[in-house]
């Protein structure tokens, strides 16, 4: 069974940074796509970024392009989301997700098979 555990969230001031981690276990993830989504209070869950484990290709939502960066640590089966220049509108619960098929539509919630419990990011103005 795949398990995803996020960590690294917290309270920061606008302009600050955090590094979110997603530790994955239970499978070999070479064919997976790992995604990050976020959900603010009263809003729908939205795509933030995705990384294809094979090849390391990364994709970002327009709203975070240039501020958020994905990376991975293969031996640790961990994906990192470095979030910089944070804005109050980035406040949300951030979720890590895993798509075992590496689907083309990486931005779509429904293609992801496994989800973590989420980590809260709060940005004060």
PDB file of N, CA and C in Angstrom:
ATOM      1  N   UNK A   1       0.846  -1.181   0.000  1.00  0.00           N
ATOM      2  CA  UNK A   1       0.000   0.000   0.000  1.00  0.00           C
ATOM      3  C   UNK A   1       0.890   1.242   0.000  1.00  0.00           C
ATOM      4  N   UNK A   2       0.568   2.160  -0.898  1.00  0.00           N
ATOM      5  CA  UNK A   2       1.335   3.392  -0.978  1.00  0.00           C
ATOM      6  C   UNK A   2       0.931   4.319   0.157  1.00  0.00           C
ATOM      7  N   UNK A   3       1.921   4.910   0.780  1.00  0.00           N
ATOM      8  CA  UNK A   3       1.681   5.927   1.808  1.00  0.00           C
ATOM      9  C   UNK A   3       2.433   7.186   1.459  1.00  0.00           C
ATOM     10  N   UNK A   4       1.778   8.305   1.628  1.00  0.00           N
ATOM     11  CA  UNK A   4       2.377   9.605   1.381  1.00  0.00           C
ATOM     12  C   UNK A   4       2.261  10.427   2.652  1.00  0.00           C
ATOM     13  N   UNK A   5       3.370  10.972   3.087  1.00  0.00           N
ATOM     14  CA  UNK A   5       3.369  11.760   4.313  1.00  0.00           C
ATOM     15  C   UNK A   5       3.982  13.120   4.019  1.00  0.00           C
ATOM     16  N   UNK A   6       3.169  14.154   4.160  1.00  0.00           N
ATOM     17  CA  UNK A   6       3.656  15.517   3.940  1.00  0.00           C
ATOM     18  C   UNK A   6       4.160  16.109   5.254  1.00  0.00           C
ATOM     19  N   UNK A   7       5.072  17.037   5.111  1.00  0.00           N
ATOM     20  CA  UNK A   7       5.554  17.797   6.253  1.00  0.00           C
ATOM     21  C   UNK A   7       6.130  19.107   5.753  1.00  0.00           C
ATOM     22  N   UNK A   8       6.421  20.005   6.683  1.00  0.00           N
ATOM     23  CA  UNK A   8       7.083  21.245   6.319  1.00  0.00           C
ATOM     24  C   UNK A   8       6.206  22.473   6.296  1.00  0.00           C
ATOM     25  N   UNK A   9       4.914  22.308   6.485  1.00  0.00           N
ATOM     26  CA  UNK A   9       4.046  23.475   6.498  1.00  0.00           C
ATOM     27  C   UNK A   9       4.262  24.317   7.738  1.00  0.00           C
ATOM     28  N   UNK A  10       3.625  25.485   7.766  1.00  0.00           N
ATOM     29  CA  UNK A  10       3.762  26.357   8.925  1.00  0.00           C
ATOM     30  C   UNK A  10       3.208  27.731   8.648  1.00  0.00           C
ATOM     31  N   UNK A  11       3.487  28.632   9.581  1.00  0.00           N
ATOM     32  CA  UNK A  11       3.044  30.027   9.482  1.00  0.00           C
ATOM     33  C   UNK A  11       4.241  30.891   9.104  1.00  0.00           C
ATOM     34  N   UNK A  12       4.105  31.641   8.036  1.00  0.00           N
ATOM     35  CA  UNK A  12       5.179  32.520   7.582  1.00  0.00           C
ATOM     36  C   UNK A  12       4.595  33.867   7.190  1.00  0.00           C
ATOM     37  N   UNK A  13       5.447  34.866   7.165  1.00  0.00           N
ATOM     38  CA  UNK A  13       5.026  36.178   6.692  1.00  0.00           C
ATOM     39  C   UNK A  13       5.091  36.217   5.166  1.00  0.00           C
ATOM     40  N   UNK A  14       4.355  37.136   4.613  1.00  0.00           N
ATOM     41  CA  UNK A  14       4.393  37.327   3.166  1.00  0.00           C
ATOM     42  C   UNK A  14       5.831  37.580   2.734  1.00  0.00           C
ATOM     43  N   UNK A  15       6.214  36.943   1.633  1.00  0.00           N
ATOM     44  CA  UNK A  15       7.573  37.039   1.151  1.00  0.00           C
ATOM     45  C   UNK A  15       8.480  35.936   1.656  1.00  0.00           C
ATOM     46  N   UNK A  16       8.006  35.182   2.618  1.00  0.00           N
ATOM     47  CA  UNK A  16       8.810  34.120   3.206  1.00  0.00           C
ATOM     48  C   UNK A  16       8.821  32.853   2.373  1.00  0.00           C
ATOM     49  N   UNK A  17       9.504  31.847   2.915  1.00  0.00           N
ATOM     50  CA  UNK A  17       9.679  30.582   2.198  1.00  0.00           C
ATOM     51  C   UNK A  17       9.463  29.403   3.123  1.00  0.00           C
ATOM     52  N   UNK A  18       9.117  28.294   2.523  1.00  0.00           N
ATOM     53  CA  UNK A  18       9.011  27.018   3.204  1.00  0.00           C
ATOM     54  C   UNK A  18       9.465  25.928   2.244  1.00  0.00           C
ATOM     55  N   UNK A  19       9.829  24.790   2.807  1.00  0.00           N
ATOM     56  CA  UNK A  19      10.066  23.622   1.974  1.00  0.00           C
ATOM     57  C   UNK A  19       9.145  22.503   2.441  1.00  0.00           C
ATOM     58  N   UNK A  20       8.247  22.136   1.574  1.00  0.00           N
ATOM     59  CA  UNK A  20       7.312  21.051   1.860  1.00  0.00           C
ATOM     60  C   UNK A  20       7.912  19.737   1.375  1.00  0.00           C
ATOM     61  N   UNK A  21       7.703  18.701   2.153  1.00  0.00           N
ATOM     62  CA  UNK A  21       8.219  17.383   1.807  1.00  0.00           C
ATOM     63  C   UNK A  21       7.078  16.392   1.666  1.00  0.00           C
ATOM     64  N   UNK A  22       7.264  15.452   0.768  1.00  0.00           N
ATOM     65  CA  UNK A  22       6.318  14.348   0.603  1.00  0.00           C
ATOM     66  C   UNK A  22       7.142  13.064   0.567  1.00  0.00           C
ATOM     67  N   UNK A  23       7.082  12.319   1.649  1.00  0.00           N
ATOM     68  CA  UNK A  23       7.793  11.051   1.733  1.00  0.00           C
ATOM     69  C   UNK A  23       6.867   9.930   1.300  1.00  0.00           C
ATOM     70  N   UNK A  24       7.289   9.191   0.282  1.00  0.00           N
ATOM     71  CA  UNK A  24       6.462   8.130  -0.286  1.00  0.00           C
ATOM     72  C   UNK A  24       7.033   6.762   0.072  1.00  0.00           C
ATOM     73  N   UNK A  25       6.168   5.815   0.330  1.00  0.00           N
ATOM     74  CA  UNK A  25       6.610   4.452   0.648  1.00  0.00           C
ATOM     75  C   UNK A  25       5.590   3.452   0.134  1.00  0.00           C
ATOM     76  N   UNK A  26       6.046   2.203  -0.011  1.00  0.00           N
ATOM     77  CA  UNK A  26       5.136   1.131  -0.367  1.00  0.00           C
ATOM     78  C   UNK A  26       5.241   0.643  -1.792  1.00  0.00           C
ATOM     79  N   UNK A  27       5.960   1.349  -2.644  1.00  0.00           N
ATOM     80  CA  UNK A  27       6.073   0.961  -4.053  1.00  0.00           C
ATOM     81  C   UNK A  27       7.402   1.451  -4.610  1.00  0.00           C
ATOM     82  N   UNK A  28       7.673   1.027  -5.823  1.00  0.00           N
ATOM     83  CA  UNK A  28       8.709   1.647  -6.631  1.00  0.00           C
ATOM     84  C   UNK A  28       8.038   2.712  -7.472  1.00  0.00           C
ATOM     85  N   UNK A  29       8.542   3.932  -7.386  1.00  0.00           N
ATOM     86  CA  UNK A  29       7.822   5.058  -7.947  1.00  0.00           C
ATOM     87  C   UNK A  29       8.345   5.516  -9.300  1.00  0.00           C
ATOM     88  N   UNK A  30       9.127   4.692  -9.959  1.00  0.00           N
ATOM     89  CA  UNK A  30       9.784   5.125 -11.194  1.00  0.00           C
ATOM     90  C   UNK A  30       8.801   5.497 -12.288  1.00  0.00           C
ATOM     91  N   UNK A  31       7.604   4.946 -12.294  1.00  0.00           N
ATOM     92  CA  UNK A  31       6.628   5.258 -13.343  1.00  0.00           C
ATOM     93  C   UNK A  31       5.559   6.251 -12.882  1.00  0.00           C
ATOM     94  N   UNK A  32       5.691   6.711 -11.669  1.00  0.00           N
ATOM     95  CA  UNK A  32       4.659   7.563 -11.079  1.00  0.00           C
ATOM     96  C   UNK A  32       4.839   9.024 -11.457  1.00  0.00           C
ATOM     97  N   UNK A  33       3.727   9.742 -11.383  1.00  0.00           N
ATOM     98  CA  UNK A  33       3.741  11.194 -11.337  1.00  0.00           C
ATOM     99  C   UNK A  33       3.345  11.613  -9.929  1.00  0.00           C
ATOM    100  N   UNK A  34       4.116  12.505  -9.353  1.00  0.00           N
ATOM    101  CA  UNK A  34       3.820  13.029  -8.030  1.00  0.00           C
ATOM    102  C   UNK A  34       3.283  14.445  -8.172  1.00  0.00           C
ATOM    103  N   UNK A  35       2.162  14.681  -7.579  1.00  0.00           N
ATOM    104  CA  UNK A  35       1.533  15.986  -7.705  1.00  0.00           C
ATOM    105  C   UNK A  35       1.370  16.683  -6.369  1.00  0.00           C
ATOM    106  N   UNK A  36       1.309  17.980  -6.434  1.00  0.00           N
ATOM    107  CA  UNK A  36       0.947  18.799  -5.271  1.00  0.00           C
ATOM    108  C   UNK A  36      -0.308  19.589  -5.624  1.00  0.00           C
ATOM    109  N   UNK A  37      -1.237  19.564  -4.703  1.00  0.00           N
ATOM    110  CA  UNK A  37      -2.466  20.315  -4.837  1.00  0.00           C
ATOM    111  C   UNK A  37      -2.653  21.122  -3.551  1.00  0.00           C
ATOM    112  N   UNK A  38      -3.528  22.092  -3.605  1.00  0.00           N
ATOM    113  CA  UNK A  38      -3.832  22.848  -2.400  1.00  0.00           C
ATOM    114  C   UNK A  38      -5.308  23.179  -2.346  1.00  0.00           C
ATOM    115  N   UNK A  39      -5.783  23.368  -1.127  1.00  0.00           N
ATOM    116  CA  UNK A  39      -7.186  23.701  -0.929  1.00  0.00           C
ATOM    117  C   UNK A  39      -7.311  24.743   0.158  1.00  0.00           C
ATOM    118  N   UNK A  40      -7.825  25.890  -0.220  1.00  0.00           N
ATOM    119  CA  UNK A  40      -8.075  26.974   0.723  1.00  0.00           C
ATOM    120  C   UNK A  40      -9.496  26.849   1.261  1.00  0.00           C
ATOM    121  N   UNK A  41      -9.769  27.429   2.400  1.00  0.00           N
ATOM    122  CA  UNK A  41     -11.109  27.347   2.984  1.00  0.00           C
ATOM    123  C   UNK A  41     -12.168  27.867   2.021  1.00  0.00           C
ATOM    124  N   UNK A  42     -13.190  27.065   1.817  1.00  0.00           N
ATOM    125  CA  UNK A  42     -14.278  27.472   0.960  1.00  0.00           C
ATOM    126  C   UNK A  42     -14.007  27.375  -0.529  1.00  0.00           C
ATOM    127  N   UNK A  43     -12.857  26.847  -0.884  1.00  0.00           N
ATOM    128  CA  UNK A  43     -12.493  26.740  -2.298  1.00  0.00           C
ATOM    129  C   UNK A  43     -12.249  25.294  -2.679  1.00  0.00           C
ATOM    130  N   UNK A  44     -12.252  25.053  -3.982  1.00  0.00           N
ATOM    131  CA  UNK A  44     -11.979  23.720  -4.473  1.00  0.00           C
ATOM    132  C   UNK A  44     -10.474  23.434  -4.443  1.00  0.00           C
ATOM    133  N   UNK A  45     -10.160  22.164  -4.376  1.00  0.00           N
ATOM    134  CA  UNK A  45      -8.764  21.773  -4.439  1.00  0.00           C
ATOM    135  C   UNK A  45      -8.224  22.091  -5.827  1.00  0.00           C
ATOM    136  N   UNK A  46      -7.011  22.656  -5.874  1.00  0.00           N
ATOM    137  CA  UNK A  46      -6.452  23.069  -7.151  1.00  0.00           C
ATOM    138  C   UNK A  46      -5.041  22.546  -7.348  1.00  0.00           C
ATOM    139  N   UNK A  47      -4.697  22.364  -8.593  1.00  0.00           N
ATOM    140  CA  UNK A  47      -3.364  21.893  -8.973  1.00  0.00           C
ATOM    141  C   UNK A  47      -2.326  22.961  -8.676  1.00  0.00           C
ATOM    142  N   UNK A  48      -1.188  22.511  -8.155  1.00  0.00           N
ATOM    143  CA  UNK A  48      -0.064  23.408  -7.879  1.00  0.00           C
ATOM    144  C   UNK A  48       1.134  23.040  -8.755  1.00  0.00           C
ATOM    145  N   UNK A  49       1.553  21.779  -8.687  1.00  0.00           N
ATOM    146  CA  UNK A  49       2.745  21.363  -9.405  1.00  0.00           C
ATOM    147  C   UNK A  49       2.769  19.844  -9.499  1.00  0.00           C
ATOM    148  N   UNK A  50       3.551  19.344 -10.457  1.00  0.00           N
ATOM    149  CA  UNK A  50       3.686  17.903 -10.626  1.00  0.00           C
ATOM    150  C   UNK A  50       5.069  17.566 -11.121  1.00  0.00           C
ATOM    151  N   UNK A  51       5.499  16.361 -10.776  1.00  0.00           N
ATOM    152  CA  UNK A  51       6.824  15.882 -11.190  1.00  0.00           C
ATOM    153  C   UNK A  51       6.698  14.443 -11.666  1.00  0.00           C
ATOM    154  N   UNK A  52       7.218  14.179 -12.839  1.00  0.00           N
ATOM    155  CA  UNK A  52       7.268  12.813 -13.346  1.00  0.00           C
ATOM    156  C   UNK A  52       8.559  12.181 -12.841  1.00  0.00           C
ATOM    157  N   UNK A  53       8.402  11.102 -12.067  1.00  0.00           N
ATOM    158  CA  UNK A  53       9.585  10.502 -11.445  1.00  0.00           C
ATOM    159  C   UNK A  53      10.589  10.047 -12.505  1.00  0.00           C
ATOM    160  N   UNK A  54      10.094   9.480 -13.591  1.00  0.00           N
ATOM    161  CA  UNK A  54      10.984   9.074 -14.671  1.00  0.00           C
ATOM    162  C   UNK A  54      11.292  10.283 -15.530  1.00  0.00           C
ATOM    163  N   UNK A  55      12.520  10.709 -15.507  1.00  0.00           N
ATOM    164  CA  UNK A  55      12.920  11.858 -16.286  1.00  0.00           C
ATOM    165  C   UNK A  55      12.939  13.165 -15.514  1.00  0.00           C
ATOM    166  N   UNK A  56      12.200  13.224 -14.426  1.00  0.00           N
ATOM    167  CA  UNK A  56      12.233  14.409 -13.595  1.00  0.00           C
ATOM    168  C   UNK A  56      11.540  15.629 -14.179  1.00  0.00           C
ATOM    169  N   UNK A  57      10.643  15.423 -15.143  1.00  0.00           N
ATOM    170  CA  UNK A  57       9.948  16.569 -15.744  1.00  0.00           C
ATOM    171  C   UNK A  57       9.036  17.219 -14.710  1.00  0.00           C
ATOM    172  N   UNK A  58       8.990  18.538 -14.732  1.00  0.00           N
ATOM    173  CA  UNK A  58       8.164  19.267 -13.773  1.00  0.00           C
ATOM    174  C   UNK A  58       7.176  20.186 -14.479  1.00  0.00           C
ATOM    175  N   UNK A  59       6.059  20.409 -13.814  1.00  0.00           N
ATOM    176  CA  UNK A  59       4.993  21.236 -14.347  1.00  0.00           C
ATOM    177  C   UNK A  59       4.441  22.081 -13.202  1.00  0.00           C
ATOM    178  N   UNK A  60       4.053  23.302 -13.527  1.00  0.00           N
ATOM    179  CA  UNK A  60       3.579  24.218 -12.499  1.00  0.00           C
ATOM    180  C   UNK A  60       2.331  24.956 -12.944  1.00  0.00           C
ATOM    181  N   UNK A  61       1.477  25.267 -11.979  1.00  0.00           N
ATOM    182  CA  UNK A  61       0.350  26.144 -12.250  1.00  0.00           C
ATOM    183  C   UNK A  61       0.885  27.548 -12.508  1.00  0.00           C
ATOM    184  N   UNK A  62       0.164  28.308 -13.324  1.00  0.00           N
ATOM    185  CA  UNK A  62       0.604  29.670 -13.650  1.00  0.00           C
ATOM    186  C   UNK A  62       0.768  30.522 -12.402  1.00  0.00           C
ATOM    187  N   UNK A  63      -0.074  30.277 -11.417  1.00  0.00           N
ATOM    188  CA  UNK A  63      -0.067  31.111 -10.217  1.00  0.00           C
ATOM    189  C   UNK A  63       1.182  30.934  -9.358  1.00  0.00           C
ATOM    190  N   UNK A  64       1.915  29.831  -9.567  1.00  0.00           N
ATOM    191  CA  UNK A  64       3.100  29.584  -8.741  1.00  0.00           C
ATOM    192  C   UNK A  64       4.383  29.514  -9.569  1.00  0.00           C
ATOM    193  N   UNK A  65       4.256  29.556 -10.877  1.00  0.00           N
ATOM    194  CA  UNK A  65       5.429  29.499 -11.759  1.00  0.00           C
ATOM    195  C   UNK A  65       6.438  30.572 -11.379  1.00  0.00           C
ATOM    196  N   UNK A  66       7.679  30.164 -11.214  1.00  0.00           N
ATOM    197  CA  UNK A  66       8.726  31.100 -10.854  1.00  0.00           C
ATOM    198  C   UNK A  66       8.900  31.294  -9.357  1.00  0.00           C
ATOM    199  N   UNK A  67       7.949  30.844  -8.571  1.00  0.00           N
ATOM    200  CA  UNK A  67       8.056  30.972  -7.109  1.00  0.00           C
ATOM    201  C   UNK A  67       8.194  29.608  -6.430  1.00  0.00           C
ATOM    202  N   UNK A  68       7.612  28.586  -6.999  1.00  0.00           N
ATOM    203  CA  UNK A  68       7.648  27.239  -6.427  1.00  0.00           C
ATOM    204  C   UNK A  68       8.554  26.362  -7.287  1.00  0.00           C
ATOM    205  N   UNK A  69       9.279  25.476  -6.628  1.00  0.00           N
ATOM    206  CA  UNK A  69      10.181  24.587  -7.346  1.00  0.00           C
ATOM    207  C   UNK A  69      10.102  23.172  -6.778  1.00  0.00           C
ATOM    208  N   UNK A  70       9.962  22.212  -7.668  1.00  0.00           N
ATOM    209  CA  UNK A  70       9.939  20.807  -7.286  1.00  0.00           C
ATOM    210  C   UNK A  70      11.326  20.204  -7.408  1.00  0.00           C
ATOM    211  N   UNK A  71      11.612  19.268  -6.509  1.00  0.00           N
ATOM    212  CA  UNK A  71      12.826  18.469  -6.609  1.00  0.00           C
ATOM    213  C   UNK A  71      12.550  17.112  -5.972  1.00  0.00           C
ATOM    214  N   UNK A  72      13.485  16.189  -6.130  1.00  0.00           N
ATOM    215  CA  UNK A  72      13.265  14.855  -5.588  1.00  0.00           C
ATOM    216  C   UNK A  72      14.576  14.298  -5.048  1.00  0.00           C
ATOM    217  N   UNK A  73      14.417  13.374  -4.119  1.00  0.00           N
ATOM    218  CA  UNK A  73      15.546  12.624  -3.580  1.00  0.00           C
ATOM    219  C   UNK A  73      15.224  11.162  -3.821  1.00  0.00           C
ATOM    220  N   UNK A  74      15.843  10.583  -4.815  1.00  0.00           N
ATOM    221  CA  UNK A  74      15.495   9.220  -5.209  1.00  0.00           C
ATOM    222  C   UNK A  74      15.700   8.189  -4.102  1.00  0.00           C
ATOM    223  N   UNK A  75      16.852   8.149  -3.451  1.00  0.00           N
ATOM    224  CA  UNK A  75      17.044   7.136  -2.404  1.00  0.00           C
ATOM    225  C   UNK A  75      16.021   7.233  -1.273  1.00  0.00           C
ATOM    226  N   UNK A  76      15.557   8.446  -1.013  1.00  0.00           N
ATOM    227  CA  UNK A  76      14.604   8.635   0.081  1.00  0.00           C
ATOM    228  C   UNK A  76      13.150   8.569  -0.386  1.00  0.00           C
ATOM    229  N   UNK A  77      12.936   8.414  -1.693  1.00  0.00           N
ATOM    230  CA  UNK A  77      11.574   8.433  -2.234  1.00  0.00           C
ATOM    231  C   UNK A  77      10.801   9.645  -1.741  1.00  0.00           C
ATOM    232  N   UNK A  78      11.449  10.783  -1.798  1.00  0.00           N
ATOM    233  CA  UNK A  78      10.850  12.006  -1.273  1.00  0.00           C
ATOM    234  C   UNK A  78      10.846  13.086  -2.348  1.00  0.00           C
ATOM    235  N   UNK A  79       9.729  13.783  -2.420  1.00  0.00           N
ATOM    236  CA  UNK A  79       9.584  14.916  -3.323  1.00  0.00           C
ATOM    237  C   UNK A  79       9.474  16.178  -2.477  1.00  0.00           C
ATOM    238  N   UNK A  80      10.167  17.206  -2.906  1.00  0.00           N
ATOM    239  CA  UNK A  80      10.164  18.473  -2.176  1.00  0.00           C
ATOM    240  C   UNK A  80       9.509  19.554  -3.023  1.00  0.00           C
ATOM    241  N   UNK A  81       8.767  20.413  -2.356  1.00  0.00           N
ATOM    242  CA  UNK A  81       8.204  21.588  -3.010  1.00  0.00           C
ATOM    243  C   UNK A  81       8.739  22.815  -2.262  1.00  0.00           C
ATOM    244  N   UNK A  82       9.686  23.487  -2.888  1.00  0.00           N
ATOM    245  CA  UNK A  82      10.215  24.719  -2.315  1.00  0.00           C
ATOM    246  C   UNK A  82       9.285  25.850  -2.693  1.00  0.00           C
ATOM    247  N   UNK A  83       8.748  26.530  -1.683  1.00  0.00           N
ATOM    248  CA  UNK A  83       7.794  27.598  -1.947  1.00  0.00           C
ATOM    249  C   UNK A  83       8.396  28.907  -1.470  1.00  0.00           C
ATOM    250  N   UNK A  84       8.626  29.797  -2.407  1.00  0.00           N
ATOM    251  CA  UNK A  84       9.251  31.091  -2.129  1.00  0.00           C
ATOM    252  C   UNK A  84       8.302  32.228  -2.440  1.00  0.00           C
ATOM    253  N   UNK A  85       8.677  33.417  -1.958  1.00  0.00           N
ATOM    254  CA  UNK A  85       7.901  34.633  -2.223  1.00  0.00           C
ATOM    255  C   UNK A  85       6.424  34.399  -1.934  1.00  0.00           C
ATOM    256  N   UNK A  86       6.155  33.831  -0.777  1.00  0.00           N
ATOM    257  CA  UNK A  86       4.793  33.450  -0.451  1.00  0.00           C
ATOM    258  C   UNK A  86       3.880  34.668  -0.309  1.00  0.00           C
ATOM    259  N   UNK A  87       2.640  34.473  -0.719  1.00  0.00           N
ATOM    260  CA  UNK A  87       1.618  35.508  -0.668  1.00  0.00           C
ATOM    261  C   UNK A  87       0.467  35.019   0.222  1.00  0.00           C
ATOM    262  N   UNK A  88      -0.295  35.941   0.788  1.00  0.00           N
ATOM    263  CA  UNK A  88      -1.442  35.503   1.601  1.00  0.00           C
ATOM    264  C   UNK A  88      -2.377  34.566   0.845  1.00  0.00           C
ATOM    265  N   UNK A  89      -2.496  34.752  -0.463  1.00  0.00           N
ATOM    266  CA  UNK A  89      -3.382  33.883  -1.239  1.00  0.00           C
ATOM    267  C   UNK A  89      -2.830  32.479  -1.429  1.00  0.00           C
ATOM    268  N   UNK A  90      -1.614  32.238  -1.004  1.00  0.00           N
ATOM    269  CA  UNK A  90      -1.060  30.879  -1.022  1.00  0.00           C
ATOM    270  C   UNK A  90      -1.501  30.080   0.207  1.00  0.00           C
ATOM    271  N   UNK A  91      -2.167  30.728   1.127  1.00  0.00           N
ATOM    272  CA  UNK A  91      -2.640  30.045   2.325  1.00  0.00           C
ATOM    273  C   UNK A  91      -3.614  28.934   1.962  1.00  0.00           C
ATOM    274  N   UNK A  92      -3.302  27.719   2.405  1.00  0.00           N
ATOM    275  CA  UNK A  92      -4.120  26.548   2.063  1.00  0.00           C
ATOM    276  C   UNK A  92      -3.534  25.319   2.747  1.00  0.00           C
ATOM    277  N   UNK A  93      -4.282  24.236   2.688  1.00  0.00           N
ATOM    278  CA  UNK A  93      -3.725  22.935   3.019  1.00  0.00           C
ATOM    279  C   UNK A  93      -3.128  22.373   1.732  1.00  0.00           C
ATOM    280  N   UNK A  94      -1.879  21.969   1.809  1.00  0.00           N
ATOM    281  CA  UNK A  94      -1.179  21.438   0.651  1.00  0.00           C
ATOM    282  C   UNK A  94      -1.132  19.921   0.747  1.00  0.00           C
ATOM    283  N   UNK A  95      -1.538  19.291  -0.352  1.00  0.00           N
ATOM    284  CA  UNK A  95      -1.610  17.834  -0.412  1.00  0.00           C
ATOM    285  C   UNK A  95      -0.646  17.281  -1.444  1.00  0.00           C
ATOM    286  N   UNK A  96      -0.009  16.204  -1.093  1.00  0.00           N
ATOM    287  CA  UNK A  96       0.806  15.433  -2.024  1.00  0.00           C
ATOM    288  C   UNK A  96      -0.043  14.291  -2.558  1.00  0.00           C
ATOM    289  N   UNK A  97       0.147  13.959  -3.831  1.00  0.00           N
ATOM    290  CA  UNK A  97      -0.616  12.882  -4.445  1.00  0.00           C
ATOM    291  C   UNK A  97       0.269  12.093  -5.399  1.00  0.00           C
ATOM    292  N   UNK A  98      -0.110  10.840  -5.621  1.00  0.00           N
ATOM    293  CA  UNK A  98       0.667   9.975  -6.503  1.00  0.00           C
ATOM    294  C   UNK A  98      -0.226   9.330  -7.554  1.00  0.00           C
ATOM    295  N   UNK A  99       0.191   9.441  -8.810  1.00  0.00           N
ATOM    296  CA  UNK A  99      -0.513   8.840  -9.942  1.00  0.00           C
ATOM    297  C   UNK A  99       0.330   7.686 -10.454  1.00  0.00           C
ATOM    298  N   UNK A 100      -0.095   6.465 -10.246  1.00  0.00           N
ATOM    299  CA  UNK A 100       0.712   5.296 -10.599  1.00  0.00           C
ATOM    300  C   UNK A 100       0.853   5.097 -12.097  1.00  0.00           C
ATOM    301  N   UNK A 101      -0.025   5.697 -12.902  1.00  0.00           N
ATOM    302  CA  UNK A 101       0.028   5.493 -14.352  1.00  0.00           C
ATOM    303  C   UNK A 101       0.775   6.599 -15.080  1.00  0.00           C
ATOM    304  N   UNK A 102       1.160   7.647 -14.397  1.00  0.00           N
ATOM    305  CA  UNK A 102       1.837   8.743 -15.068  1.00  0.00           C
ATOM    306  C   UNK A 102       0.979   9.356 -16.162  1.00  0.00           C
ATOM    307  N   UNK A 103      -0.270   9.647 -15.835  1.00  0.00           N
ATOM    308  CA  UNK A 103      -1.235  10.134 -16.815  1.00  0.00           C
ATOM    309  C   UNK A 103      -0.811  11.462 -17.442  1.00  0.00           C
ATOM    310  N   UNK A 104      -1.312  11.672 -18.651  1.00  0.00           N
ATOM    311  CA  UNK A 104      -0.989  12.913 -19.360  1.00  0.00           C
ATOM    312  C   UNK A 104      -1.566  14.116 -18.622  1.00  0.00           C
ATOM    313  N   UNK A 105      -2.769  13.975 -18.125  1.00  0.00           N
ATOM    314  CA  UNK A 105      -3.461  15.105 -17.498  1.00  0.00           C
ATOM    315  C   UNK A 105      -3.071  15.224 -16.030  1.00  0.00           C
ATOM    316  N   UNK A 106      -1.834  15.566 -15.801  1.00  0.00           N
ATOM    317  CA  UNK A 106      -1.274  15.611 -14.457  1.00  0.00           C
ATOM    318  C   UNK A 106      -1.942  16.657 -13.573  1.00  0.00           C
ATOM    319  N   UNK A 107      -2.648  17.600 -14.176  1.00  0.00           N
ATOM    320  CA  UNK A 107      -3.279  18.679 -13.424  1.00  0.00           C
ATOM    321  C   UNK A 107      -4.665  18.291 -12.891  1.00  0.00           C
ATOM    322  N   UNK A 108      -5.086  17.093 -13.230  1.00  0.00           N
ATOM    323  CA  UNK A 108      -6.443  16.655 -12.896  1.00  0.00           C
ATOM    324  C   UNK A 108      -6.456  15.818 -11.622  1.00  0.00           C
ATOM    325  N   UNK A 109      -7.305  16.190 -10.701  1.00  0.00           N
ATOM    326  CA  UNK A 109      -7.355  15.498  -9.415  1.00  0.00           C
ATOM    327  C   UNK A 109      -7.662  14.018  -9.584  1.00  0.00           C
ATOM    328  N   UNK A 110      -8.559  13.691 -10.481  1.00  0.00           N
ATOM    329  CA  UNK A 110      -9.062  12.320 -10.580  1.00  0.00           C
ATOM    330  C   UNK A 110      -8.036  11.300 -11.047  1.00  0.00           C
ATOM    331  N   UNK A 111      -6.912  11.738 -11.632  1.00  0.00           N
ATOM    332  CA  UNK A 111      -5.934  10.752 -12.108  1.00  0.00           C
ATOM    333  C   UNK A 111      -5.040  10.254 -10.979  1.00  0.00           C
ATOM    334  N   UNK A 112      -5.114  10.883  -9.841  1.00  0.00           N
ATOM    335  CA  UNK A 112      -4.242  10.510  -8.731  1.00  0.00           C
ATOM    336  C   UNK A 112      -4.879   9.428  -7.876  1.00  0.00           C
ATOM    337  N   UNK A 113      -4.068   8.419  -7.561  1.00  0.00           N
ATOM    338  CA  UNK A 113      -4.574   7.244  -6.864  1.00  0.00           C
ATOM    339  C   UNK A 113      -4.396   7.328  -5.349  1.00  0.00           C
ATOM    340  N   UNK A 114      -3.376   8.044  -4.935  1.00  0.00           N
ATOM    341  CA  UNK A 114      -3.042   8.081  -3.507  1.00  0.00           C
ATOM    342  C   UNK A 114      -2.848   9.528  -3.077  1.00  0.00           C
ATOM    343  N   UNK A 115      -3.242   9.801  -1.846  1.00  0.00           N
ATOM    344  CA  UNK A 115      -3.159  11.159  -1.310  1.00  0.00           C
ATOM    345  C   UNK A 115      -2.579  11.119   0.101  1.00  0.00           C
ATOM    346  N   UNK A 116      -1.843  12.178   0.427  1.00  0.00           N
ATOM    347  CA  UNK A 116      -1.385  12.349   1.789  1.00  0.00           C
ATOM    348  C   UNK A 116      -2.434  13.062   2.622  1.00  0.00           C
ATOM    349  N   UNK A 117      -2.082  13.298   3.879  1.00  0.00           N
ATOM    350  CA  UNK A 117      -3.047  13.879   4.808  1.00  0.00           C
ATOM    351  C   UNK A 117      -3.080  15.399   4.737  1.00  0.00           C
ATOM    352  N   UNK A 118      -2.098  15.990   4.097  1.00  0.00           N
ATOM    353  CA  UNK A 118      -2.050  17.434   3.939  1.00  0.00           C
ATOM    354  C   UNK A 118      -1.204  18.115   5.000  1.00  0.00           C
ATOM    355  N   UNK A 119      -0.673  19.272   4.642  1.00  0.00           N
ATOM    356  CA  UNK A 119       0.086  20.099   5.574  1.00  0.00           C
ATOM    357  C   UNK A 119      -0.350  21.553   5.380  1.00  0.00           C
ATOM    358  N   UNK A 120      -0.590  22.226   6.492  1.00  0.00           N
ATOM    359  CA  UNK A 120      -1.144  23.587   6.442  1.00  0.00           C
ATOM    360  C   UNK A 120      -0.043  24.605   6.186  1.00  0.00           C
ATOM    361  N   UNK A 121      -0.296  25.477   5.230  1.00  0.00           N
ATOM    362  CA  UNK A 121       0.577  26.623   4.976  1.00  0.00           C
ATOM    363  C   UNK A 121      -0.260  27.879   5.190  1.00  0.00           C
ATOM    364  N   UNK A 122       0.192  28.731   6.096  1.00  0.00           N
ATOM    365  CA  UNK A 122      -0.512  29.976   6.383  1.00  0.00           C
ATOM    366  C   UNK A 122       0.448  31.134   6.181  1.00  0.00           C
ATOM    367  N   UNK A 123       0.047  32.079   5.336  1.00  0.00           N
ATOM    368  CA  UNK A 123       0.884  33.230   5.022  1.00  0.00           C
ATOM    369  C   UNK A 123       0.188  34.485   5.546  1.00  0.00           C
ATOM    370  N   UNK A 124       0.844  35.173   6.447  1.00  0.00           N
ATOM    371  CA  UNK A 124       0.282  36.390   7.030  1.00  0.00           C
ATOM    372  C   UNK A 124       0.764  37.609   6.243  1.00  0.00           C
ATOM    373  N   UNK A 125      -0.087  38.621   6.180  1.00  0.00           N
ATOM    374  CA  UNK A 125       0.256  39.821   5.411  1.00  0.00           C
ATOM    375  C   UNK A 125       0.960  40.857   6.284  1.00  0.00           C
TER     376      UNK A 125
END
